[in-house]
Amino acid sequence: MSRLFLRPFQNSALAQEQPILRIQNSAIYPLGAGTPSSPLFRDRENSFTSGSPRSPTHIPPPPPPDGLFPFLRGRDPHKSVSLVSFAHRSRAAGGAFVDFSARYGAVREEDKRTLRETFFPETAKPWHTLAIPAFHSQPDIPLSEQLDEEREGARRALFEELTGLMGLREFLDLPVVALSNGQTRKARILKALLDQPELLILDEPLTGLDAPTRGLVLSLLQKLHFSVKPPHVIVGSRMQDPIPDWTTHVALITGRGTVKVGRKEEVISTYTSSSHCWTPPIDASRPKHESEEVLVDMSNLNVSYGNRKVLKNINWKVHANSRWHLLGSNGAGKTTLLAMLTGDHPQSYTQSSHLQHFSRPRAKWPTPLLHARIGRVSPELHNAYPRRAGVKVWDVVGTAFDGGFVPRGRRRVGLGVDGKELEEGGEEECARVERMWHVLEGLGPTAWLSTEGSGQTDKSFSQTFADRQFVDLSPGEQSVVLLMRALVNQPPLVLLDEAWAGMDEGMVRAARRYLRSGGGLKDGQACVVISHWEDEVPWGWEDGVRRFQLVDGTGRELFRPGPQ
């Protein structure tokens, strides 16, 4: 395989005799793609000729004869196709940082948009035009649709049915910022179903949903499948996600860029995912016994918004060198509990008598210093992190040393504790740079493209990956980089909330391996993993992992079941 670079011929006679471009047994990559990128085409052989050697030749691919969606037969795809993507913040979102902690203060403001106003505004609008305030007007809804009472009645009946089935009815008039990630995902899926499209495309709809909700979403899709006029449904899922029984066809995309398409039974029989039902290796290094040192101490902790109690009398101690799995259904209070753990929630200050971080009340900790002692990955952080042009992977990972989001320092590995530049070539600077390369090789392309950590992949991949712009990475690659950022400073406490979102199989395998036995965590560090999938937790009962469960805002530790 080879990469191609083209310059114009300088001799016109020679140009007329020879092709302008000859492609022989080559792989063609996207413009600007890094070394580990997958090619668009493999084993291509083409020749292009022209009588005008200095004129560029552009041969666009022919459009599909019946358009991208032939079954629509000319109907507007914008009205007939619904795409619900749960990918993280896109490049178009810009380079500004979003203060995701502001959501916790905003829930007390009465004028914030509710779930109903955000996703289903037509259900809140009264029929009589004189009763419609200006701020509730919906100029984008055609008058003919408003007056079609029969159609609107059927739509509202469907809305009532779906909100009941999805367990969202009681949350419709709450601000969106007060809802969990899983509840917001359910609302987006419901909105797509309510539109009754001819083609429904769902990108990783099960990620972030608890087990009962996953079953509920799949059962709703099954109901659609057997309805009188079923839509076409395309579900993009991870390898560990269950494939519904009613699925007819599968397109299997491997990490190497190949695609196998066919009937479900034929495709699945040719491939076995190594990440599904992953079991930690028995001979891997196990965490030692917990230390007596308490990193976080919650004692009768409460969080409420008015009369609504979100956390109720939480008692939880996280010791050094411990491993925890935090679990609970969507809306149980996990996101709020994590915000108290990180000190992002405003009520962490008012609850200082019930909340201590590293043996000091929360109110005694300046937020940047506290954040420098906590490594974290979360959907909120992923969506909020700036996608600024020119910021490299190396820069993003290095921000962890200062606990902020702006690359600082000569080598982009932060400043000293006194806020000054590190000594050039000094011990601290060299140690930070060495640690940077450790996580880049342990979690980067060198690790996820190798086979079970064999290390046979070219080490130059790490250098190339470090130089890539963060904004140009795929969602899965961005997740890997933010995991690197959480681990590089080896903070006393690491919080991993849906850390594997968007990662492919090789990335997840490399992350698990690195956390267990690859130097991702050192002695004394504590780690809390938040996931609805038990097999996503890198440690099992035999490794000493402990489980803390939230149910409707109350918490309790789950103990290992005894022998049957």
Protein backbone atom coordinates (compact mmCIF):
# COMPACT_ATOMS: atom_id res chain seq x y z
CA MET A 1 0.00 0.00 0.00
CA SER A 2 1.17 3.55 -0.58
CA ARG A 3 0.15 7.16 -0.03
CA LEU A 4 0.10 9.46 -3.04
CA PHE A 5 1.42 12.99 -3.56
CA LEU A 6 0.77 14.68 -6.92
CA ARG A 7 2.49 17.60 -8.65
CA PRO A 8 1.82 18.85 -12.24
CA PHE A 9 4.07 17.80 -15.13
CA GLN A 10 6.43 20.51 -16.37
CA ASN A 11 6.77 19.11 -19.90
CA SER A 12 3.49 19.36 -21.88
CA ALA A 13 4.60 16.89 -24.57
CA LEU A 14 5.41 14.34 -21.96
CA ALA A 15 2.12 15.04 -20.23
CA GLN A 16 0.14 14.29 -23.39
CA GLU A 17 1.87 10.95 -23.80
CA GLN A 18 1.61 9.81 -20.20
CA PRO A 19 -1.28 9.75 -17.72
CA ILE A 20 -1.52 12.68 -15.35
CA LEU A 21 -2.10 10.23 -12.53
CA ARG A 22 -1.61 6.51 -12.32
CA ILE A 23 -2.75 4.64 -9.21
CA GLN A 24 -1.34 1.17 -8.80
CA ASN A 25 -2.31 -1.13 -5.93
CA SER A 26 -2.79 1.83 -3.61
CA ALA A 27 -4.85 2.80 -0.59
CA ILE A 28 -6.51 6.21 -0.73
CA TYR A 29 -6.93 8.19 2.50
CA PRO A 30 -8.95 11.32 3.34
CA LEU A 31 -7.10 14.62 2.97
CA GLY A 32 -5.21 15.39 6.18
CA ALA A 33 -5.74 11.97 7.73
CA GLY A 34 -3.16 10.84 10.28
CA THR A 35 -1.04 7.72 10.06
CA PRO A 36 -3.46 5.42 11.94
CA SER A 37 -6.45 6.46 9.84
CA SER A 38 -8.36 3.93 7.78
CA PRO A 39 -8.30 4.32 3.98
CA LEU A 40 -11.37 5.25 2.00
CA PHE A 41 -10.41 2.77 -0.74
CA ARG A 42 -8.06 -0.20 -0.80
CA ASP A 43 -6.11 -1.81 -3.67
CA ARG A 44 -7.13 0.86 -6.21
CA GLU A 45 -5.74 0.84 -9.77
CA ASN A 46 -6.69 3.81 -11.99
CA SER A 47 -5.13 6.04 -14.64
CA PHE A 48 -6.26 9.57 -15.53
CA THR A 49 -5.24 11.38 -18.73
CA SER A 50 -5.91 14.86 -20.05
CA GLY A 51 -4.76 17.12 -22.88
CA SER A 52 -4.32 20.00 -20.47
CA PRO A 53 -1.63 18.97 -17.99
CA ARG A 54 -1.79 22.11 -15.83
CA SER A 55 -5.56 21.92 -15.33
CA PRO A 56 -6.74 19.95 -12.29
CA THR A 57 -8.86 16.91 -13.05
CA HIS A 58 -11.80 16.31 -10.71
CA ILE A 59 -13.91 13.23 -11.16
CA PRO A 60 -16.81 13.31 -8.69
CA PRO A 61 -18.60 10.07 -7.91
CA PRO A 62 -21.90 9.75 -9.75
CA PRO A 63 -24.96 10.33 -7.57
CA PRO A 64 -27.24 7.35 -6.88
CA PRO A 65 -29.80 7.14 -9.70
CA ASP A 66 -32.73 7.31 -7.28
CA GLY A 67 -31.09 9.53 -4.66
CA LEU A 68 -29.69 8.57 -1.29
CA PHE A 69 -33.06 7.17 -0.19
CA PRO A 70 -34.59 5.44 -3.25
CA PHE A 71 -37.63 4.17 -1.33
CA LEU A 72 -38.85 7.75 -0.80
CA ARG A 73 -39.45 8.12 -4.57
CA GLY A 74 -38.83 11.85 -4.56
CA ARG A 75 -40.43 12.69 -1.21
CA ASP A 76 -38.60 15.19 1.00
CA PRO A 77 -36.11 13.25 3.19
CA HIS A 78 -36.09 16.11 5.74
CA LYS A 79 -39.69 15.25 6.57
CA SER A 80 -39.47 11.49 6.12
CA VAL A 81 -36.14 10.65 7.80
CA SER A 82 -35.38 11.17 11.50
CA LEU A 83 -31.82 10.88 12.82
CA VAL A 84 -31.22 10.71 16.56
CA SER A 85 -27.49 10.86 17.20
CA PHE A 86 -26.00 10.69 20.67
CA ALA A 87 -22.50 11.59 19.56
CA HIS A 88 -20.73 14.11 21.73
CA ARG A 89 -20.24 17.76 20.91
CA SER A 90 -19.37 18.32 17.26
CA ARG A 91 -16.64 20.42 15.71
CA ALA A 92 -19.24 22.99 14.70
CA ALA A 93 -19.90 23.70 18.38
CA GLY A 94 -16.82 25.93 18.43
CA GLY A 95 -13.90 26.41 20.79
CA ALA A 96 -15.66 27.93 23.78
CA PHE A 97 -15.84 26.06 27.08
CA VAL A 98 -19.33 25.28 28.35
CA ASP A 99 -19.72 25.60 32.11
CA PHE A 100 -21.63 22.39 32.71
CA SER A 101 -21.69 23.01 36.47
CA ALA A 102 -24.04 25.96 35.89
CA ARG A 103 -26.89 23.48 35.38
CA TYR A 104 -27.10 22.85 39.10
CA GLY A 105 -27.70 26.49 39.94
CA ALA A 106 -30.08 27.03 37.04
CA VAL A 107 -32.69 24.57 38.29
CA ARG A 108 -33.91 27.11 40.84
CA GLU A 109 -34.83 29.66 38.16
CA GLU A 110 -38.52 29.47 37.31
CA ASP A 111 -38.12 30.66 33.73
CA LYS A 112 -35.88 27.82 32.53
CA ARG A 113 -37.20 25.69 29.69
CA THR A 114 -38.86 22.48 30.73
CA LEU A 115 -38.69 19.11 29.07
CA ARG A 116 -42.13 19.69 27.56
CA GLU A 117 -41.20 23.13 26.18
CA THR A 118 -37.93 21.86 24.75
CA PHE A 119 -39.04 18.67 23.02
CA PHE A 120 -42.85 18.78 22.88
CA PRO A 121 -43.93 22.46 22.80
CA GLU A 122 -47.11 21.71 20.88
CA THR A 123 -48.48 19.68 23.81
CA ALA A 124 -48.32 22.71 26.10
CA LYS A 125 -50.04 25.18 23.76
CA PRO A 126 -53.75 25.88 24.38
CA TRP A 127 -56.16 25.71 21.43
CA HIS A 128 -57.68 29.17 21.85
CA THR A 129 -55.46 31.72 20.11
CA LEU A 130 -56.39 34.47 22.60
CA ALA A 131 -54.89 32.36 25.39
CA ILE A 132 -51.50 31.98 23.75
CA PRO A 133 -48.88 34.28 25.27
CA ALA A 134 -46.27 35.65 22.90
CA PHE A 135 -43.50 33.56 24.42
CA HIS A 136 -45.46 30.36 23.72
CA SER A 137 -46.15 31.10 20.05
CA GLN A 138 -44.89 28.55 17.58
CA PRO A 139 -44.56 30.29 14.21
CA ASP A 140 -42.83 27.25 12.73
CA ILE A 141 -45.98 25.10 13.09
CA PRO A 142 -48.23 25.57 10.04
CA LEU A 143 -51.76 26.81 10.72
CA SER A 144 -53.22 23.90 8.75
CA GLU A 145 -51.59 21.47 11.15
CA GLN A 146 -52.85 23.38 14.20
CA LEU A 147 -56.43 23.23 12.92
CA ASP A 148 -56.35 19.58 12.03
CA GLU A 149 -57.97 18.45 15.26
CA GLU A 150 -58.21 14.81 14.28
CA ARG A 151 -54.55 14.54 13.43
CA GLU A 152 -53.53 16.55 16.47
CA GLY A 153 -55.74 14.40 18.68
CA ALA A 154 -54.09 11.23 17.43
CA ARG A 155 -50.67 12.74 17.94
CA ARG A 156 -51.48 13.77 21.49
CA ALA A 157 -52.83 10.30 22.25
CA LEU A 158 -49.57 8.81 20.99
CA PHE A 159 -47.65 11.34 23.07
CA GLU A 160 -49.52 10.37 26.23
CA GLU A 161 -48.94 6.68 25.52
CA LEU A 162 -45.22 7.07 24.85
CA THR A 163 -44.49 9.35 27.80
CA GLY A 164 -46.20 6.83 30.06
CA LEU A 165 -44.30 3.88 28.62
CA MET A 166 -40.97 5.74 28.79
CA GLY A 167 -41.55 6.88 32.36
CA LEU A 168 -41.25 10.56 31.46
CA ARG A 169 -44.71 11.88 32.35
CA GLU A 170 -43.71 13.09 35.82
CA PHE A 171 -40.66 14.92 34.41
CA LEU A 172 -42.35 16.84 31.58
CA ASP A 173 -42.61 20.10 33.47
CA LEU A 174 -39.17 19.97 35.08
CA PRO A 175 -36.26 21.97 33.61
CA VAL A 176 -34.17 19.92 31.21
CA VAL A 177 -31.02 20.85 33.15
CA ALA A 178 -32.42 19.02 36.18
CA LEU A 179 -32.75 15.72 34.31
CA SER A 180 -30.22 12.94 34.05
CA ASN A 181 -28.43 12.03 30.83
CA GLY A 182 -30.53 8.89 30.52
CA GLN A 183 -33.80 10.78 30.91
CA THR A 184 -32.78 13.27 28.22
CA ARG A 185 -31.86 10.40 25.89
CA LYS A 186 -35.29 8.86 26.41
CA ALA A 187 -36.93 12.18 25.54
CA ARG A 188 -34.98 12.45 22.29
CA ILE A 189 -35.96 8.92 21.28
CA LEU A 190 -39.59 9.65 22.16
CA LYS A 191 -39.50 12.82 20.06
CA ALA A 192 -38.27 10.84 17.05
CA LEU A 193 -40.99 8.20 17.50
CA LEU A 194 -43.62 10.91 17.82
CA ASP A 195 -42.66 12.31 14.41
CA GLN A 196 -43.57 8.93 12.85
CA PRO A 197 -40.85 8.99 10.16
CA GLU A 198 -40.59 6.57 7.27
CA LEU A 199 -36.93 5.96 8.16
CA LEU A 200 -35.73 6.15 11.77
CA ILE A 201 -31.96 6.18 12.38
CA LEU A 202 -30.75 5.78 15.98
CA ASP A 203 -27.03 6.11 16.73
CA GLU A 204 -26.07 4.17 19.89
CA PRO A 205 -29.47 4.65 21.57
CA LEU A 206 -28.75 2.18 24.40
CA THR A 207 -25.59 3.86 25.71
CA GLY A 208 -26.24 5.49 29.06
CA LEU A 209 -29.57 3.71 29.62
CA ASP A 210 -30.23 1.37 32.53
CA ALA A 211 -31.26 -2.23 31.85
CA PRO A 212 -35.04 -1.73 32.22
CA THR A 213 -34.97 1.31 29.91
CA ARG A 214 -32.90 -0.56 27.33
CA GLY A 215 -35.54 -3.27 27.28
CA LEU A 216 -38.25 -0.65 27.06
CA VAL A 217 -36.67 1.10 24.06
CA LEU A 218 -36.16 -2.21 22.26
CA SER A 219 -39.75 -3.26 22.96
CA LEU A 220 -41.04 0.05 21.54
CA LEU A 221 -38.99 -0.49 18.40
CA GLN A 222 -40.36 -4.02 18.18
CA LYS A 223 -43.88 -2.64 18.45
CA LEU A 224 -43.08 -0.32 15.55
CA HIS A 225 -41.70 -3.23 13.58
CA PHE A 226 -45.01 -5.10 13.79
CA SER A 227 -47.27 -2.07 13.34
CA VAL A 228 -49.59 -1.62 10.36
CA LYS A 229 -47.23 0.77 8.58
CA PRO A 230 -43.82 0.15 10.12
CA PRO A 231 -40.94 2.55 9.44
CA HIS A 232 -37.56 1.38 8.32
CA VAL A 233 -35.29 1.35 11.37
CA ILE A 234 -31.48 1.54 11.38
CA VAL A 235 -29.81 1.21 14.78
CA GLY A 236 -26.12 1.95 15.16
CA SER A 237 -24.85 0.00 18.16
CA ARG A 238 -21.71 -1.16 19.87
CA MET A 239 -20.58 -4.76 19.71
CA GLN A 240 -21.67 -5.40 23.30
CA ASP A 241 -25.19 -4.06 22.74
CA PRO A 242 -27.90 -6.69 22.29
CA ILE A 243 -29.25 -7.26 18.79
CA PRO A 244 -33.07 -7.42 18.84
CA ASP A 245 -34.70 -10.64 17.67
CA TRP A 246 -36.72 -8.74 15.07
CA THR A 247 -33.57 -7.44 13.34
CA THR A 248 -33.39 -8.75 9.78
CA HIS A 249 -30.05 -7.45 8.46
CA VAL A 250 -26.72 -6.41 9.96
CA ALA A 251 -23.89 -4.22 8.62
CA LEU A 252 -20.78 -5.18 10.60
CA ILE A 253 -18.04 -2.51 10.55
CA THR A 254 -14.70 -3.73 11.88
CA GLY A 255 -11.91 -1.66 13.35
CA ARG A 256 -10.00 -2.05 10.10
CA GLY A 257 -12.65 -0.27 8.05
CA THR A 258 -14.17 -3.30 6.35
CA VAL A 259 -17.94 -3.70 6.16
CA LYS A 260 -19.81 -6.98 5.94
CA VAL A 261 -23.51 -6.69 5.08
CA GLY A 262 -26.11 -9.43 4.99
CA ARG A 263 -28.85 -11.18 6.89
CA LYS A 264 -28.35 -11.18 10.64
CA GLU A 265 -27.68 -14.90 11.02
CA GLU A 266 -25.09 -14.96 8.22
CA VAL A 267 -23.11 -11.93 9.44
CA ILE A 268 -23.12 -12.65 13.16
CA SER A 269 -22.02 -16.26 12.64
CA THR A 270 -18.77 -15.03 11.08
CA TYR A 271 -17.74 -12.75 13.92
CA THR A 272 -17.37 -13.02 17.68
CA SER A 273 -16.80 -9.86 19.69
CA SER A 274 -14.08 -10.14 22.28
CA SER A 275 -15.43 -7.19 24.27
CA HIS A 276 -18.92 -8.61 24.79
CA CYS A 277 -19.29 -10.23 28.20
CA TRP A 278 -15.65 -9.38 28.86
CA THR A 279 -14.17 -11.16 31.86
CA PRO A 280 -11.10 -9.75 33.65
CA PRO A 281 -8.11 -12.08 33.38
CA ILE A 282 -7.50 -13.98 36.61
CA ASP A 283 -3.73 -13.49 36.54
CA ALA A 284 -3.88 -9.70 36.17
CA SER A 285 -2.64 -7.54 39.05
CA ARG A 286 -5.33 -6.91 41.60
CA PRO A 287 -5.75 -3.81 43.75
CA LYS A 288 -4.32 -4.11 47.22
CA HIS A 289 -6.34 -3.76 50.37
CA GLU A 290 -7.92 -0.37 50.92
CA SER A 291 -5.96 2.21 52.83
CA GLU A 292 -7.19 3.72 56.08
CA GLU A 293 -6.96 7.15 54.43
CA VAL A 294 -10.38 8.54 53.52
CA LEU A 295 -10.42 10.59 50.32
CA VAL A 296 -14.11 11.52 50.30
CA ASP A 297 -16.42 11.35 53.28
CA MET A 298 -20.17 11.89 52.90
CA SER A 299 -22.17 11.89 56.11
CA ASN A 300 -25.95 12.35 55.95
CA LEU A 301 -25.55 14.31 52.72
CA ASN A 302 -28.72 15.81 51.22
CA VAL A 303 -29.41 17.68 47.99
CA SER A 304 -32.79 19.15 47.14
CA TYR A 305 -34.37 21.65 44.75
CA GLY A 306 -37.25 23.22 46.62
CA ASN A 307 -39.46 20.38 47.79
CA ARG A 308 -37.86 17.87 45.42
CA LYS A 309 -35.19 15.79 47.15
CA VAL A 310 -32.56 14.39 44.83
CA LEU A 311 -30.14 12.87 47.37
CA LYS A 312 -31.34 11.70 50.77
CA ASN A 313 -29.03 11.08 53.73
CA ILE A 314 -26.11 9.68 51.73
CA ASN A 315 -23.42 8.01 53.82
CA TRP A 316 -20.41 6.93 51.76
CA LYS A 317 -16.67 6.84 52.33
CA VAL A 318 -14.18 6.40 49.48
CA HIS A 319 -10.84 5.15 50.80
CA ALA A 320 -7.48 5.37 49.06
CA ASN A 321 -6.66 2.36 46.88
CA SER A 322 -10.33 1.34 46.64
CA ARG A 323 -12.27 0.34 43.52
CA TRP A 324 -15.98 1.19 43.31
CA HIS A 325 -18.81 0.56 40.88
CA LEU A 326 -21.52 3.21 41.26
CA LEU A 327 -24.81 2.04 39.81
CA GLY A 328 -28.45 3.09 39.71
CA SER A 329 -31.28 3.58 37.28
CA ASN A 330 -31.68 6.70 35.13
CA GLY A 331 -32.74 9.56 37.40
CA ALA A 332 -31.60 7.85 40.60
CA GLY A 333 -29.19 10.74 41.40
CA LYS A 334 -25.83 9.46 40.10
CA THR A 335 -25.01 12.65 38.16
CA THR A 336 -25.80 14.81 41.19
CA LEU A 337 -23.73 12.57 43.48
CA LEU A 338 -20.76 12.85 41.12
CA ALA A 339 -21.15 16.64 41.08
CA MET A 340 -20.85 16.57 44.87
CA LEU A 341 -17.80 14.30 44.63
CA THR A 342 -16.06 16.76 42.30
CA GLY A 343 -17.26 19.87 44.13
CA ASP A 344 -19.00 21.22 41.03
CA HIS A 345 -22.43 21.36 42.62
CA PRO A 346 -23.19 24.69 44.41
CA GLN A 347 -24.74 22.78 47.29
CA SER A 348 -21.39 21.10 47.95
CA TYR A 349 -20.47 24.36 49.73
CA THR A 350 -23.64 24.52 51.83
CA GLN A 351 -23.18 20.84 52.69
CA SER A 352 -19.56 21.26 53.79
CA SER A 353 -20.36 19.99 57.27
CA HIS A 354 -21.51 16.73 55.64
CA LEU A 355 -18.91 16.54 52.85
CA GLN A 356 -15.14 16.34 53.17
CA HIS A 357 -12.57 16.06 50.39
CA PHE A 358 -9.13 14.80 51.38
CA SER A 359 -9.74 15.49 55.08
CA ARG A 360 -10.91 19.06 54.53
CA PRO A 361 -14.43 20.48 54.21
CA ARG A 362 -15.45 21.34 50.64
CA ALA A 363 -15.62 25.06 51.46
CA LYS A 364 -11.90 25.01 52.35
CA TRP A 365 -10.87 23.84 48.87
CA PRO A 366 -10.27 26.27 45.99
CA THR A 367 -12.00 24.63 43.03
CA PRO A 368 -8.92 24.48 40.68
CA LEU A 369 -6.83 22.80 43.38
CA LEU A 370 -9.60 20.31 44.11
CA HIS A 371 -10.03 19.50 40.42
CA ALA A 372 -6.29 18.88 40.09
CA ARG A 373 -6.69 16.07 42.64
CA ILE A 374 -9.62 14.43 40.84
CA GLY A 375 -9.33 12.87 37.39
CA ARG A 376 -12.64 12.40 35.64
CA VAL A 377 -14.40 11.43 32.46
CA SER A 378 -18.10 12.16 32.02
CA PRO A 379 -20.62 12.94 29.27
CA GLU A 380 -20.89 16.50 30.63
CA LEU A 381 -17.13 17.04 30.48
CA HIS A 382 -16.95 15.54 26.99
CA ASN A 383 -19.65 17.85 25.70
CA ALA A 384 -18.21 20.90 27.44
CA TYR A 385 -14.55 20.50 26.49
CA PRO A 386 -13.48 23.18 23.94
CA ARG A 387 -13.03 22.08 20.32
CA ARG A 388 -10.63 24.88 19.49
CA ALA A 389 -8.67 24.69 16.23
CA GLY A 390 -4.94 24.24 16.77
CA VAL A 391 -5.22 22.45 20.13
CA LYS A 392 -3.43 19.12 19.85
CA VAL A 393 -3.98 15.84 21.66
CA TRP A 394 -0.79 16.51 23.64
CA ASP A 395 -2.19 19.88 24.78
CA VAL A 396 -5.50 18.39 25.97
CA VAL A 397 -3.83 15.62 27.98
CA GLY A 398 -1.34 18.07 29.52
CA THR A 399 -4.07 20.35 30.92
CA ALA A 400 -4.65 17.77 33.65
CA PHE A 401 -1.53 18.86 35.53
CA ASP A 402 -3.12 22.26 36.25
CA GLY A 403 -6.71 21.00 36.57
CA GLY A 404 -7.92 23.47 33.93
CA PHE A 405 -8.71 23.47 30.23
CA VAL A 406 -6.06 25.79 28.77
CA PRO A 407 -2.64 24.34 27.79
CA ARG A 408 0.09 26.01 29.82
CA GLY A 409 3.81 25.77 30.18
CA ARG A 410 6.78 25.53 27.86
CA ARG A 411 6.22 21.84 27.13
CA ARG A 412 2.42 22.12 27.50
CA VAL A 413 2.50 20.05 30.69
CA GLY A 414 1.37 22.75 33.10
CA LEU A 415 3.07 25.10 35.51
CA GLY A 416 4.60 24.55 38.92
CA VAL A 417 2.66 24.73 42.18
CA ASP A 418 3.81 28.35 42.50
CA GLY A 419 2.25 29.22 39.13
CA LYS A 420 5.62 29.70 37.45
CA GLU A 421 7.25 27.86 34.55
CA LEU A 422 8.80 24.52 35.40
CA GLU A 423 12.58 24.41 35.33
CA GLU A 424 13.59 23.57 31.77
CA GLY A 425 14.92 20.03 31.73
CA GLY A 426 14.28 19.78 35.45
CA GLU A 427 13.10 16.70 37.32
CA GLU A 428 9.43 17.71 37.47
CA GLU A 429 9.20 18.66 33.80
CA CYS A 430 10.93 15.46 32.68
CA ALA A 431 8.69 13.35 34.93
CA ARG A 432 5.54 14.93 33.47
CA VAL A 433 6.73 14.47 29.88
CA GLU A 434 7.62 10.83 30.58
CA ARG A 435 4.19 10.24 32.09
CA MET A 436 2.55 11.85 29.03
CA TRP A 437 4.25 9.35 26.74
CA HIS A 438 3.29 6.53 29.09
CA VAL A 439 -0.45 7.20 28.75
CA LEU A 440 -0.17 7.94 25.02
CA GLU A 441 1.44 4.55 24.41
CA GLY A 442 -0.77 2.74 26.93
CA LEU A 443 -4.06 4.09 25.59
CA GLY A 444 -3.27 5.41 22.09
CA PRO A 445 -3.19 3.71 18.68
CA THR A 446 -0.12 1.70 19.68
CA ALA A 447 -2.32 -0.08 22.24
CA TRP A 448 -5.69 -0.29 20.56
CA LEU A 449 -4.38 -1.40 17.15
CA SER A 450 -2.12 -4.11 18.61
CA THR A 451 -3.33 -7.60 19.44
CA GLU A 452 -3.97 -8.07 23.15
CA GLY A 453 -1.22 -5.63 24.09
CA SER A 454 1.51 -7.39 22.09
CA GLY A 455 3.12 -4.01 21.43
CA GLN A 456 3.89 -4.96 17.83
CA THR A 457 2.29 -1.81 16.41
CA ASP A 458 4.63 0.96 15.22
CA LYS A 459 5.52 3.23 18.17
CA SER A 460 5.48 6.24 15.84
CA PHE A 461 1.68 6.07 16.01
CA SER A 462 1.88 7.65 19.47
CA GLN A 463 3.84 10.63 18.16
CA THR A 464 1.50 11.10 15.23
CA PHE A 465 -1.54 10.82 17.47
CA ALA A 466 -0.11 13.34 19.95
CA ASP A 467 0.26 15.87 17.12
CA ARG A 468 -3.30 15.50 15.82
CA GLN A 469 -5.84 18.21 16.56
CA PHE A 470 -8.40 17.27 19.18
CA VAL A 471 -11.20 18.79 17.13
CA ASP A 472 -10.45 16.45 14.21
CA LEU A 473 -10.75 13.23 16.21
CA SER A 474 -13.72 10.90 16.12
CA PRO A 475 -15.97 10.79 19.23
CA GLY A 476 -14.33 7.54 20.28
CA GLU A 477 -10.82 8.95 19.91
CA GLN A 478 -11.86 12.03 21.90
CA SER A 479 -13.13 9.74 24.66
CA VAL A 480 -9.72 8.03 24.74
CA VAL A 481 -7.93 11.40 24.98
CA LEU A 482 -10.11 12.55 27.87
CA LEU A 483 -9.43 9.23 29.62
CA MET A 484 -5.70 9.92 29.16
CA ARG A 485 -6.28 13.36 30.69
CA ALA A 486 -8.02 11.80 33.71
CA LEU A 487 -5.13 9.41 34.37
CA VAL A 488 -1.96 11.26 33.37
CA ASN A 489 -1.56 13.25 36.60
CA GLN A 490 -2.17 10.13 38.71
CA PRO A 491 -4.63 11.99 40.96
CA PRO A 492 -5.74 10.42 44.27
CA LEU A 493 -9.32 9.98 42.97
CA VAL A 494 -10.43 8.96 39.46
CA LEU A 495 -14.10 9.10 38.35
CA LEU A 496 -15.04 7.29 35.13
CA ASP A 497 -18.65 8.05 34.12
CA GLU A 498 -19.60 6.27 30.87
CA ALA A 499 -15.92 6.43 29.99
CA TRP A 500 -16.19 3.97 27.08
CA ALA A 501 -18.85 5.94 25.16
CA GLY A 502 -18.07 5.99 21.45
CA MET A 503 -14.98 3.78 21.76
CA ASP A 504 -14.54 0.85 19.43
CA GLU A 505 -13.65 -2.63 20.59
CA GLY A 506 -9.88 -2.19 20.45
CA MET A 507 -10.04 1.07 22.42
CA VAL A 508 -12.17 -0.47 25.17
CA ARG A 509 -9.89 -3.49 25.41
CA ALA A 510 -6.81 -1.26 25.67
CA ALA A 511 -8.45 0.93 28.34
CA ARG A 512 -9.40 -2.05 30.51
CA ARG A 513 -5.93 -3.54 30.18
CA TYR A 514 -4.26 -0.23 31.02
CA LEU A 515 -6.41 0.34 34.11
CA ARG A 516 -5.89 -3.17 35.45
CA SER A 517 -2.25 -3.90 34.81
CA GLY A 518 -0.75 -1.34 32.44
CA GLY A 519 0.17 1.38 34.91
CA GLY A 520 -3.02 3.38 34.55
CA LEU A 521 -3.50 3.45 38.33
CA LYS A 522 -0.79 3.38 40.95
CA ASP A 523 -0.94 2.22 44.57
CA GLY A 524 -3.07 4.54 46.65
CA GLN A 525 -5.33 5.82 43.88
CA ALA A 526 -9.07 5.23 44.22
CA CYS A 527 -11.31 4.72 41.19
CA VAL A 528 -15.10 4.98 40.86
CA VAL A 529 -16.65 3.57 37.66
CA ILE A 530 -20.19 4.59 36.74
CA SER A 531 -21.83 2.26 34.24
CA HIS A 532 -25.10 0.47 33.61
CA TRP A 533 -23.15 -2.47 32.16
CA GLU A 534 -21.52 -4.62 34.83
CA ASP A 535 -19.10 -6.17 32.36
CA GLU A 536 -17.73 -2.71 31.52
CA VAL A 537 -16.15 -2.41 34.97
CA PRO A 538 -12.47 -3.46 34.72
CA TRP A 539 -12.59 -5.24 38.09
CA GLY A 540 -14.79 -7.96 39.54
CA TRP A 541 -15.70 -9.16 43.00
CA GLU A 542 -12.52 -11.24 43.09
CA ASP A 543 -10.48 -8.06 42.66
CA GLY A 544 -12.04 -6.41 45.67
CA VAL A 545 -14.39 -4.08 43.81
CA ARG A 546 -17.19 -2.61 45.93
CA ARG A 547 -20.61 -1.54 44.69
CA PHE A 548 -22.68 1.46 45.78
CA GLN A 549 -26.25 1.66 44.53
CA LEU A 550 -28.59 4.64 44.33
CA VAL A 551 -32.35 4.11 44.35
CA ASP A 552 -34.55 7.22 44.22
CA GLY A 553 -31.85 9.32 45.87
CA THR A 554 -31.01 6.92 48.69
CA GLY A 555 -27.75 4.98 48.69
CA ARG A 556 -26.51 1.68 50.05
CA GLU A 557 -23.59 -0.62 49.52
CA LEU A 558 -24.22 -3.94 47.80
CA PHE A 559 -22.28 -6.89 49.13
CA ARG A 560 -21.03 -9.91 47.25
CA PRO A 561 -23.69 -12.60 47.11
CA GLY A 562 -22.86 -15.77 48.96
CA PRO A 563 -22.45 -19.17 47.31
CA GLN A 564 -25.67 -20.69 45.99
